[in-house]
Amino acid sequence: MEQERNSVESPEQGPSEMVVAVEAYLAEQAGWLEAAHERIHRVYPDGALWWGESGSRLTGEEIARHAEAAVRYLEAEGWAPRASAEERFAAYDAKHGHNFRVVLPPQDLFLALFRTARTDDVLYRLGTVLNSLLLVSTGAPSVRYQDWDTHPDRTLREVREVLVAAAAYARRYGPPAP
């Protein structure tokens, strides 16, 4: 079953207050982002990170806007990656005012990225950036953002922070729009 994608805010809209937050975060985290960049550059030499699986060239701004849209989605729709099916049903009922039972996926980071992605290329490459940032920040030999997101100790604040860092990374190191 394919899920519907909907954007909380159009990616065509210009930079917002979030850009200010991204720039402030970038200033604070420059060393961390540089370490992530060095790692990504080793894995994806010659800018290969910025090419989608469809063969399309992506810009840093596209990736950054996707990360920001995911933050807005999580803030608007909520974040409950470990909620049980009954908890998800109750949240749906409270929001929509009826007991219509549907299969509800966990309200997690992957769903936010999926629902706000304009293309699969952007979805996939933002995931690559997130995984790389998390490798550097955790020091772990491997990490997947999907598993990191659902860890019992994870907080929404941490999820927002890594998305803001991904947007900062993409703007700093990604190719500009043609």
N, C-alpha and C. Protein backbone atom coordinates (compact mmCIF):
# COMPACT_ATOMS: atom_id res chain seq x y z
N MET A 1 0.85 -1.18 0.00
CA MET A 1 0.00 0.00 0.00
C MET A 1 0.89 1.24 0.00
N GLU A 2 0.74 2.06 -0.99
CA GLU A 2 1.54 3.28 -1.07
C GLU A 2 0.88 4.37 -0.26
N GLN A 3 1.68 5.06 0.53
CA GLN A 3 1.15 6.13 1.36
C GLN A 3 1.17 7.44 0.59
N GLU A 4 0.22 8.27 0.89
CA GLU A 4 0.13 9.57 0.24
C GLU A 4 1.18 10.50 0.81
N ARG A 5 1.79 11.27 -0.08
CA ARG A 5 2.75 12.28 0.35
C ARG A 5 2.04 13.61 0.36
N ASN A 6 2.23 14.35 1.41
CA ASN A 6 1.69 15.71 1.44
C ASN A 6 2.69 16.60 2.15
N SER A 7 2.84 17.77 1.66
CA SER A 7 3.83 18.68 2.22
C SER A 7 3.15 19.66 3.16
N VAL A 8 3.73 19.85 4.33
CA VAL A 8 3.20 20.82 5.28
C VAL A 8 3.38 22.22 4.73
N GLU A 9 4.48 22.45 4.04
CA GLU A 9 4.74 23.74 3.42
C GLU A 9 5.40 23.47 2.08
N SER A 10 5.04 24.22 1.10
CA SER A 10 5.58 24.03 -0.24
C SER A 10 7.09 24.27 -0.24
N PRO A 11 7.86 23.33 -0.84
CA PRO A 11 9.30 23.53 -0.92
C PRO A 11 9.69 24.75 -1.75
N GLU A 12 8.77 25.26 -2.57
CA GLU A 12 9.08 26.44 -3.35
C GLU A 12 9.11 27.71 -2.51
N GLN A 13 8.53 27.66 -1.31
CA GLN A 13 8.54 28.84 -0.47
C GLN A 13 9.97 29.12 -0.03
N GLY A 14 10.26 30.37 0.11
CA GLY A 14 11.62 30.78 0.45
C GLY A 14 12.01 30.43 1.87
N PRO A 15 13.26 30.74 2.21
CA PRO A 15 13.75 30.46 3.56
C PRO A 15 12.87 31.12 4.63
N SER A 16 12.79 30.47 5.76
CA SER A 16 11.92 30.93 6.82
C SER A 16 12.72 31.19 8.09
N GLU A 17 12.01 31.28 9.19
CA GLU A 17 12.67 31.43 10.49
C GLU A 17 13.62 30.27 10.73
N MET A 18 13.27 29.13 10.14
CA MET A 18 14.11 27.97 10.33
C MET A 18 15.51 28.21 9.76
N VAL A 19 15.61 28.99 8.69
CA VAL A 19 16.92 29.28 8.11
C VAL A 19 17.79 29.99 9.13
N VAL A 20 17.20 30.90 9.88
CA VAL A 20 17.95 31.60 10.92
C VAL A 20 18.44 30.59 11.96
N ALA A 21 17.57 29.66 12.35
CA ALA A 21 17.96 28.63 13.31
C ALA A 21 19.05 27.74 12.73
N VAL A 22 18.93 27.43 11.45
CA VAL A 22 19.94 26.59 10.80
C VAL A 22 21.29 27.29 10.80
N GLU A 23 21.29 28.56 10.45
CA GLU A 23 22.55 29.30 10.41
C GLU A 23 23.19 29.40 11.80
N ALA A 24 22.39 29.62 12.82
CA ALA A 24 22.91 29.67 14.19
C ALA A 24 23.47 28.31 14.59
N TYR A 25 22.74 27.27 14.25
CA TYR A 25 23.19 25.92 14.56
C TYR A 25 24.49 25.61 13.82
N LEU A 26 24.55 26.04 12.57
CA LEU A 26 25.74 25.81 11.76
C LEU A 26 26.96 26.47 12.41
N ALA A 27 26.79 27.68 12.89
CA ALA A 27 27.90 28.37 13.54
C ALA A 27 28.38 27.60 14.76
N GLU A 28 27.45 27.05 15.53
CA GLU A 28 27.80 26.31 16.74
C GLU A 28 28.40 24.94 16.44
N GLN A 29 27.96 24.34 15.36
CA GLN A 29 28.33 22.96 15.08
C GLN A 29 29.30 22.80 13.91
N ALA A 30 30.01 23.85 13.56
CA ALA A 30 30.87 23.81 12.37
C ALA A 30 31.86 22.64 12.42
N GLY A 31 32.45 22.37 13.55
CA GLY A 31 33.41 21.27 13.65
C GLY A 31 32.76 19.92 13.41
N TRP A 32 31.58 19.74 13.98
CA TRP A 32 30.84 18.49 13.81
C TRP A 32 30.44 18.31 12.35
N LEU A 33 29.98 19.37 11.72
CA LEU A 33 29.59 19.27 10.31
C LEU A 33 30.81 19.02 9.43
N GLU A 34 31.94 19.62 9.77
CA GLU A 34 33.16 19.38 9.00
C GLU A 34 33.58 17.92 9.10
N ALA A 35 33.50 17.34 10.30
CA ALA A 35 33.83 15.92 10.48
C ALA A 35 32.88 15.05 9.66
N ALA A 36 31.61 15.40 9.65
CA ALA A 36 30.64 14.64 8.84
C ALA A 36 30.96 14.79 7.36
N HIS A 37 31.34 16.00 6.96
CA HIS A 37 31.67 16.23 5.55
C HIS A 37 32.87 15.39 5.13
N GLU A 38 33.88 15.32 5.98
CA GLU A 38 35.05 14.51 5.65
C GLU A 38 34.66 13.05 5.47
N ARG A 39 33.79 12.55 6.34
CA ARG A 39 33.34 11.16 6.23
C ARG A 39 32.53 10.96 4.95
N ILE A 40 31.59 11.85 4.70
CA ILE A 40 30.75 11.73 3.50
C ILE A 40 31.60 11.82 2.25
N HIS A 41 32.58 12.71 2.25
CA HIS A 41 33.43 12.87 1.07
C HIS A 41 34.25 11.61 0.80
N ARG A 42 34.66 10.89 1.85
CA ARG A 42 35.37 9.63 1.66
C ARG A 42 34.46 8.57 1.04
N VAL A 43 33.21 8.53 1.48
CA VAL A 43 32.26 7.52 0.99
C VAL A 43 31.71 7.90 -0.38
N TYR A 44 31.48 9.19 -0.59
CA TYR A 44 30.91 9.69 -1.85
C TYR A 44 31.86 10.71 -2.47
N PRO A 45 32.98 10.25 -3.04
CA PRO A 45 33.92 11.20 -3.63
C PRO A 45 33.32 11.87 -4.87
N ASP A 46 33.89 12.98 -5.21
CA ASP A 46 33.50 13.70 -6.43
C ASP A 46 32.04 14.11 -6.45
N GLY A 47 31.46 14.38 -5.27
CA GLY A 47 30.09 14.88 -5.22
C GLY A 47 29.02 13.86 -5.54
N ALA A 48 29.33 12.58 -5.48
CA ALA A 48 28.34 11.54 -5.82
C ALA A 48 27.12 11.58 -4.90
N LEU A 49 27.27 12.10 -3.69
CA LEU A 49 26.13 12.20 -2.77
C LEU A 49 24.99 13.00 -3.37
N TRP A 50 25.30 13.96 -4.17
CA TRP A 50 24.30 14.91 -4.66
C TRP A 50 23.62 14.46 -5.94
N TRP A 51 23.79 13.19 -6.29
CA TRP A 51 23.09 12.62 -7.43
C TRP A 51 22.08 11.62 -6.90
N GLY A 52 20.85 11.71 -7.40
CA GLY A 52 19.81 10.79 -7.01
C GLY A 52 19.91 9.47 -7.76
N GLU A 53 19.18 8.49 -7.28
CA GLU A 53 19.16 7.18 -7.93
C GLU A 53 18.55 7.24 -9.32
N SER A 54 17.78 8.28 -9.61
CA SER A 54 17.18 8.44 -10.93
C SER A 54 18.15 9.06 -11.92
N GLY A 55 19.32 9.46 -11.45
CA GLY A 55 20.29 10.13 -12.30
C GLY A 55 20.14 11.64 -12.30
N SER A 56 19.27 12.15 -11.44
CA SER A 56 19.06 13.59 -11.36
C SER A 56 20.02 14.22 -10.37
N ARG A 57 20.51 15.39 -10.70
CA ARG A 57 21.39 16.16 -9.81
C ARG A 57 20.52 16.87 -8.78
N LEU A 58 20.91 16.80 -7.53
CA LEU A 58 20.18 17.46 -6.46
C LEU A 58 20.99 18.64 -5.95
N THR A 59 20.30 19.63 -5.41
CA THR A 59 21.00 20.78 -4.83
C THR A 59 20.96 20.68 -3.31
N GLY A 60 21.87 21.37 -2.69
CA GLY A 60 21.86 21.43 -1.23
C GLY A 60 20.56 22.04 -0.72
N GLU A 61 20.06 23.02 -1.43
CA GLU A 61 18.81 23.68 -1.01
C GLU A 61 17.63 22.71 -1.04
N GLU A 62 17.57 21.82 -2.03
CA GLU A 62 16.49 20.83 -2.09
C GLU A 62 16.51 19.93 -0.85
N ILE A 63 17.70 19.47 -0.51
CA ILE A 63 17.84 18.59 0.66
C ILE A 63 17.51 19.36 1.93
N ALA A 64 17.99 20.59 2.04
CA ALA A 64 17.73 21.41 3.23
C ALA A 64 16.24 21.67 3.40
N ARG A 65 15.56 22.00 2.33
CA ARG A 65 14.12 22.27 2.43
C ARG A 65 13.34 21.03 2.81
N HIS A 66 13.81 19.88 2.35
CA HIS A 66 13.14 18.64 2.74
C HIS A 66 13.30 18.39 4.24
N ALA A 67 14.50 18.60 4.76
CA ALA A 67 14.74 18.43 6.20
C ALA A 67 13.85 19.39 7.00
N GLU A 68 13.75 20.62 6.55
CA GLU A 68 12.91 21.61 7.24
C GLU A 68 11.43 21.25 7.16
N ALA A 69 11.00 20.74 6.02
CA ALA A 69 9.60 20.32 5.89
C ALA A 69 9.30 19.16 6.84
N ALA A 70 10.27 18.27 7.03
CA ALA A 70 10.08 17.15 7.97
C ALA A 70 9.93 17.66 9.40
N VAL A 71 10.70 18.68 9.77
CA VAL A 71 10.56 19.27 11.11
C VAL A 71 9.15 19.83 11.27
N ARG A 72 8.69 20.58 10.28
CA ARG A 72 7.34 21.17 10.35
C ARG A 72 6.28 20.08 10.42
N TYR A 73 6.47 19.01 9.67
CA TYR A 73 5.52 17.90 9.69
C TYR A 73 5.45 17.28 11.09
N LEU A 74 6.59 17.01 11.68
CA LEU A 74 6.61 16.41 13.02
C LEU A 74 5.97 17.34 14.04
N GLU A 75 6.22 18.64 13.90
CA GLU A 75 5.61 19.59 14.83
C GLU A 75 4.10 19.67 14.65
N ALA A 76 3.64 19.56 13.41
CA ALA A 76 2.20 19.65 13.14
C ALA A 76 1.46 18.35 13.43
N GLU A 77 2.06 17.22 13.09
CA GLU A 77 1.38 15.93 13.19
C GLU A 77 1.73 15.14 14.44
N GLY A 78 2.82 15.52 15.08
CA GLY A 78 3.24 14.81 16.28
C GLY A 78 4.30 13.76 15.97
N TRP A 79 4.96 13.33 17.01
CA TRP A 79 6.02 12.33 16.90
C TRP A 79 5.79 11.29 17.98
N ALA A 80 5.53 10.07 17.59
CA ALA A 80 5.30 8.98 18.53
C ALA A 80 5.79 7.68 17.90
N PRO A 81 7.10 7.53 17.74
CA PRO A 81 7.63 6.38 17.01
C PRO A 81 7.40 5.03 17.69
N ARG A 82 7.15 5.04 18.97
CA ARG A 82 6.97 3.79 19.70
C ARG A 82 5.53 3.57 20.16
N ALA A 83 4.59 4.37 19.65
CA ALA A 83 3.20 4.24 20.07
C ALA A 83 2.62 2.91 19.61
N SER A 84 1.83 2.30 20.47
CA SER A 84 1.17 1.05 20.11
C SER A 84 0.05 1.33 19.10
N ALA A 85 -0.47 0.28 18.50
CA ALA A 85 -1.57 0.45 17.55
C ALA A 85 -2.76 1.11 18.24
N GLU A 86 -3.08 0.72 19.46
CA GLU A 86 -4.21 1.33 20.18
C GLU A 86 -3.97 2.81 20.45
N GLU A 87 -2.74 3.17 20.80
CA GLU A 87 -2.42 4.58 21.02
C GLU A 87 -2.55 5.38 19.72
N ARG A 88 -2.13 4.77 18.61
CA ARG A 88 -2.27 5.46 17.31
C ARG A 88 -3.73 5.62 16.93
N PHE A 89 -4.55 4.57 17.19
CA PHE A 89 -5.99 4.68 16.93
C PHE A 89 -6.62 5.79 17.76
N ALA A 90 -6.26 5.85 19.04
CA ALA A 90 -6.82 6.88 19.92
C ALA A 90 -6.42 8.28 19.45
N ALA A 91 -5.19 8.44 19.02
CA ALA A 91 -4.76 9.75 18.51
C ALA A 91 -5.52 10.10 17.23
N TYR A 92 -5.73 9.12 16.38
CA TYR A 92 -6.49 9.36 15.14
C TYR A 92 -7.92 9.75 15.48
N ASP A 93 -8.54 9.00 16.39
CA ASP A 93 -9.92 9.30 16.79
C ASP A 93 -10.03 10.70 17.38
N ALA A 94 -9.08 11.07 18.23
CA ALA A 94 -9.13 12.39 18.85
C ALA A 94 -8.98 13.49 17.80
N LYS A 95 -8.15 13.25 16.81
CA LYS A 95 -7.92 14.26 15.79
C LYS A 95 -9.07 14.36 14.79
N HIS A 96 -9.65 13.21 14.44
CA HIS A 96 -10.66 13.18 13.37
C HIS A 96 -12.09 13.00 13.86
N GLY A 97 -12.26 12.70 15.14
CA GLY A 97 -13.59 12.65 15.73
C GLY A 97 -14.44 11.44 15.36
N HIS A 98 -13.83 10.35 14.98
CA HIS A 98 -14.61 9.14 14.73
C HIS A 98 -13.74 7.92 14.98
N ASN A 99 -14.39 6.76 15.00
CA ASN A 99 -13.70 5.52 15.33
C ASN A 99 -13.33 4.70 14.11
N PHE A 100 -13.21 5.31 12.98
CA PHE A 100 -12.85 4.61 11.77
C PHE A 100 -11.47 3.99 11.96
N ARG A 101 -11.39 2.69 11.86
CA ARG A 101 -10.12 1.98 12.08
C ARG A 101 -9.37 1.84 10.77
N VAL A 102 -8.20 2.40 10.74
CA VAL A 102 -7.33 2.30 9.58
C VAL A 102 -5.98 1.79 10.05
N VAL A 103 -5.20 1.29 9.13
CA VAL A 103 -3.85 0.88 9.47
C VAL A 103 -3.02 2.16 9.55
N LEU A 104 -2.54 2.45 10.72
CA LEU A 104 -1.78 3.68 10.94
C LEU A 104 -0.32 3.35 11.19
N PRO A 105 0.56 3.90 10.37
CA PRO A 105 1.99 3.65 10.61
C PRO A 105 2.45 4.42 11.83
N PRO A 106 3.57 4.01 12.42
CA PRO A 106 4.12 4.80 13.52
C PRO A 106 4.41 6.22 13.05
N GLN A 107 4.18 7.19 13.91
CA GLN A 107 4.44 8.59 13.59
C GLN A 107 5.91 8.85 13.91
N ASP A 108 6.77 8.48 12.97
CA ASP A 108 8.20 8.54 13.22
C ASP A 108 8.92 9.40 12.18
N LEU A 109 10.22 9.45 12.29
CA LEU A 109 11.02 10.27 11.39
C LEU A 109 10.89 9.80 9.95
N PHE A 110 10.90 8.49 9.71
CA PHE A 110 10.76 8.02 8.34
C PHE A 110 9.45 8.48 7.72
N LEU A 111 8.36 8.39 8.46
CA LEU A 111 7.06 8.82 7.92
C LEU A 111 7.10 10.31 7.60
N ALA A 112 7.70 11.10 8.46
CA ALA A 112 7.81 12.54 8.20
C ALA A 112 8.62 12.80 6.93
N LEU A 113 9.72 12.06 6.75
CA LEU A 113 10.52 12.24 5.55
C LEU A 113 9.75 11.78 4.31
N PHE A 114 9.07 10.66 4.42
CA PHE A 114 8.30 10.14 3.30
C PHE A 114 7.19 11.09 2.88
N ARG A 115 6.45 11.57 3.87
CA ARG A 115 5.31 12.43 3.56
C ARG A 115 5.71 13.79 3.00
N THR A 116 6.91 14.24 3.28
CA THR A 116 7.32 15.57 2.82
C THR A 116 8.28 15.54 1.64
N ALA A 117 8.64 14.35 1.18
CA ALA A 117 9.58 14.24 0.06
C ALA A 117 8.90 14.57 -1.26
N ARG A 118 9.54 15.40 -2.03
CA ARG A 118 9.04 15.69 -3.38
C ARG A 118 9.39 14.57 -4.34
N THR A 119 10.54 13.93 -4.11
CA THR A 119 10.96 12.81 -4.95
C THR A 119 11.64 11.76 -4.08
N ASP A 120 11.73 10.55 -4.63
CA ASP A 120 12.47 9.51 -3.93
C ASP A 120 13.95 9.86 -3.82
N ASP A 121 14.49 10.56 -4.82
CA ASP A 121 15.89 10.97 -4.76
C ASP A 121 16.17 11.82 -3.53
N VAL A 122 15.32 12.80 -3.27
CA VAL A 122 15.51 13.69 -2.12
C VAL A 122 15.35 12.90 -0.83
N LEU A 123 14.37 12.03 -0.77
CA LEU A 123 14.15 11.19 0.42
C LEU A 123 15.39 10.35 0.70
N TYR A 124 15.89 9.68 -0.30
CA TYR A 124 17.03 8.79 -0.13
C TYR A 124 18.29 9.55 0.28
N ARG A 125 18.58 10.65 -0.39
CA ARG A 125 19.80 11.38 -0.11
C ARG A 125 19.76 12.11 1.23
N LEU A 126 18.61 12.60 1.65
CA LEU A 126 18.53 13.17 2.99
C LEU A 126 18.79 12.08 4.02
N GLY A 127 18.28 10.88 3.78
CA GLY A 127 18.57 9.77 4.68
C GLY A 127 20.05 9.48 4.77
N THR A 128 20.76 9.59 3.65
CA THR A 128 22.20 9.39 3.64
C THR A 128 22.91 10.44 4.49
N VAL A 129 22.48 11.68 4.35
CA VAL A 129 23.06 12.75 5.16
C VAL A 129 22.78 12.51 6.64
N LEU A 130 21.54 12.16 6.98
CA LEU A 130 21.20 11.89 8.38
C LEU A 130 22.05 10.76 8.95
N ASN A 131 22.18 9.67 8.22
CA ASN A 131 22.99 8.55 8.70
C ASN A 131 24.43 8.98 8.94
N SER A 132 24.98 9.78 8.05
CA SER A 132 26.36 10.22 8.19
C SER A 132 26.53 11.14 9.40
N LEU A 133 25.61 12.06 9.58
CA LEU A 133 25.67 12.94 10.74
C LEU A 133 25.57 12.14 12.04
N LEU A 134 24.70 11.15 12.05
CA LEU A 134 24.54 10.33 13.24
C LEU A 134 25.77 9.46 13.52
N LEU A 135 26.42 8.97 12.47
CA LEU A 135 27.66 8.22 12.67
C LEU A 135 28.71 9.07 13.38
N VAL A 136 28.84 10.30 12.92
CA VAL A 136 29.83 11.20 13.52
C VAL A 136 29.44 11.56 14.95
N SER A 137 28.16 11.86 15.16
CA SER A 137 27.76 12.31 16.50
C SER A 137 27.75 11.19 17.53
N THR A 138 27.43 9.96 17.13
CA THR A 138 27.38 8.86 18.09
C THR A 138 28.72 8.14 18.24
N GLY A 139 29.55 8.21 17.20
CA GLY A 139 30.80 7.47 17.23
C GLY A 139 30.60 5.98 16.98
N ALA A 140 29.39 5.59 16.65
CA ALA A 140 29.08 4.18 16.40
C ALA A 140 29.68 3.73 15.06
N PRO A 141 29.97 2.42 14.92
CA PRO A 141 30.50 1.94 13.64
C PRO A 141 29.45 1.92 12.54
N SER A 142 28.17 1.87 12.92
CA SER A 142 27.09 1.96 11.94
C SER A 142 25.85 2.48 12.65
N VAL A 143 25.00 3.13 11.88
CA VAL A 143 23.75 3.66 12.42
C VAL A 143 22.79 3.88 11.26
N ARG A 144 21.52 3.65 11.51
CA ARG A 144 20.45 3.97 10.56
C ARG A 144 19.52 4.93 11.27
N TYR A 145 19.18 6.03 10.59
CA TYR A 145 18.33 7.02 11.25
C TYR A 145 17.00 6.42 11.68
N GLN A 146 16.48 5.43 10.94
CA GLN A 146 15.20 4.82 11.31
C GLN A 146 15.29 4.14 12.68
N ASP A 147 16.38 3.46 12.94
CA ASP A 147 16.55 2.78 14.23
C ASP A 147 16.91 3.77 15.33
N TRP A 148 17.75 4.73 15.01
CA TRP A 148 18.12 5.78 15.96
C TRP A 148 16.87 6.50 16.45
N ASP A 149 15.97 6.82 15.53
CA ASP A 149 14.75 7.56 15.84
C ASP A 149 13.85 6.83 16.84
N THR A 150 13.79 5.52 16.75
CA THR A 150 12.86 4.76 17.58
C THR A 150 13.49 4.23 18.87
N HIS A 151 14.72 4.61 19.15
CA HIS A 151 15.36 4.16 20.40
C HIS A 151 14.54 4.69 21.58
N PRO A 152 14.36 3.88 22.62
CA PRO A 152 13.52 4.30 23.75
C PRO A 152 13.94 5.60 24.43
N ASP A 153 15.21 5.96 24.38
CA ASP A 153 15.67 7.19 25.03
C ASP A 153 15.62 8.42 24.13
N ARG A 154 15.23 8.25 22.86
CA ARG A 154 15.23 9.36 21.91
C ARG A 154 14.16 10.37 22.25
N THR A 155 14.44 11.64 21.98
CA THR A 155 13.47 12.71 22.21
C THR A 155 13.19 13.45 20.90
N LEU A 156 12.05 14.09 20.85
CA LEU A 156 11.71 14.89 19.68
C LEU A 156 12.73 16.01 19.48
N ARG A 157 13.23 16.56 20.56
CA ARG A 157 14.24 17.61 20.44
C ARG A 157 15.47 17.11 19.69
N GLU A 158 15.93 15.91 20.00
CA GLU A 158 17.09 15.34 19.32
C GLU A 158 16.79 15.11 17.83
N VAL A 159 15.58 14.67 17.54
CA VAL A 159 15.19 14.44 16.15
C VAL A 159 15.19 15.77 15.39
N ARG A 160 14.61 16.79 15.99
CA ARG A 160 14.61 18.12 15.35
C ARG A 160 16.05 18.60 15.14
N GLU A 161 16.90 18.43 16.13
CA GLU A 161 18.28 18.90 16.03
C GLU A 161 19.03 18.24 14.88
N VAL A 162 18.85 16.94 14.71
CA VAL A 162 19.57 16.28 13.62
C VAL A 162 19.00 16.71 12.27
N LEU A 163 17.71 16.99 12.19
CA LEU A 163 17.14 17.50 10.93
C LEU A 163 17.65 18.90 10.63
N VAL A 164 17.74 19.74 11.64
CA VAL A 164 18.28 21.09 11.45
C VAL A 164 19.75 21.00 11.04
N ALA A 165 20.49 20.09 11.64
CA ALA A 165 21.90 19.91 11.27
C ALA A 165 22.01 19.42 9.82
N ALA A 166 21.12 18.54 9.42
CA ALA A 166 21.13 18.04 8.03
C ALA A 166 20.86 19.19 7.06
N ALA A 167 19.92 20.06 7.41
CA ALA A 167 19.64 21.22 6.55
C ALA A 167 20.87 22.12 6.48
N ALA A 168 21.51 22.34 7.61
CA ALA A 168 22.72 23.17 7.64
C ALA A 168 23.82 22.54 6.79
N TYR A 169 23.99 21.24 6.93
CA TYR A 169 25.00 20.53 6.15
C TYR A 169 24.72 20.68 4.65
N ALA A 170 23.49 20.45 4.27
CA ALA A 170 23.14 20.51 2.85
C ALA A 170 23.37 21.90 2.27
N ARG A 171 23.00 22.92 3.03
CA ARG A 171 23.22 24.28 2.55
C ARG A 171 24.70 24.63 2.46
N ARG A 172 25.46 24.11 3.40
CA ARG A 172 26.89 24.46 3.42
C ARG A 172 27.68 23.71 2.36
N TYR A 173 27.39 22.42 2.18
CA TYR A 173 28.23 21.60 1.32
C TYR A 173 27.55 21.16 0.01
N GLY A 174 26.25 21.31 -0.08
CA GLY A 174 25.55 20.88 -1.29
C GLY A 174 25.73 21.83 -2.44
N PRO A 175 25.53 21.33 -3.64
CA PRO A 175 25.68 22.19 -4.81
C PRO A 175 24.57 23.24 -4.85
N PRO A 176 24.89 24.43 -5.38
CA PRO A 176 23.87 25.46 -5.50
C PRO A 176 22.91 25.14 -6.64
N ALA A 177 21.78 25.80 -6.63
CA ALA A 177 20.83 25.63 -7.72
C ALA A 177 21.43 26.19 -9.00
N PRO A 178 21.11 25.58 -10.14
CA PRO A 178 21.68 26.06 -11.41
C PRO A 178 21.20 27.46 -11.74
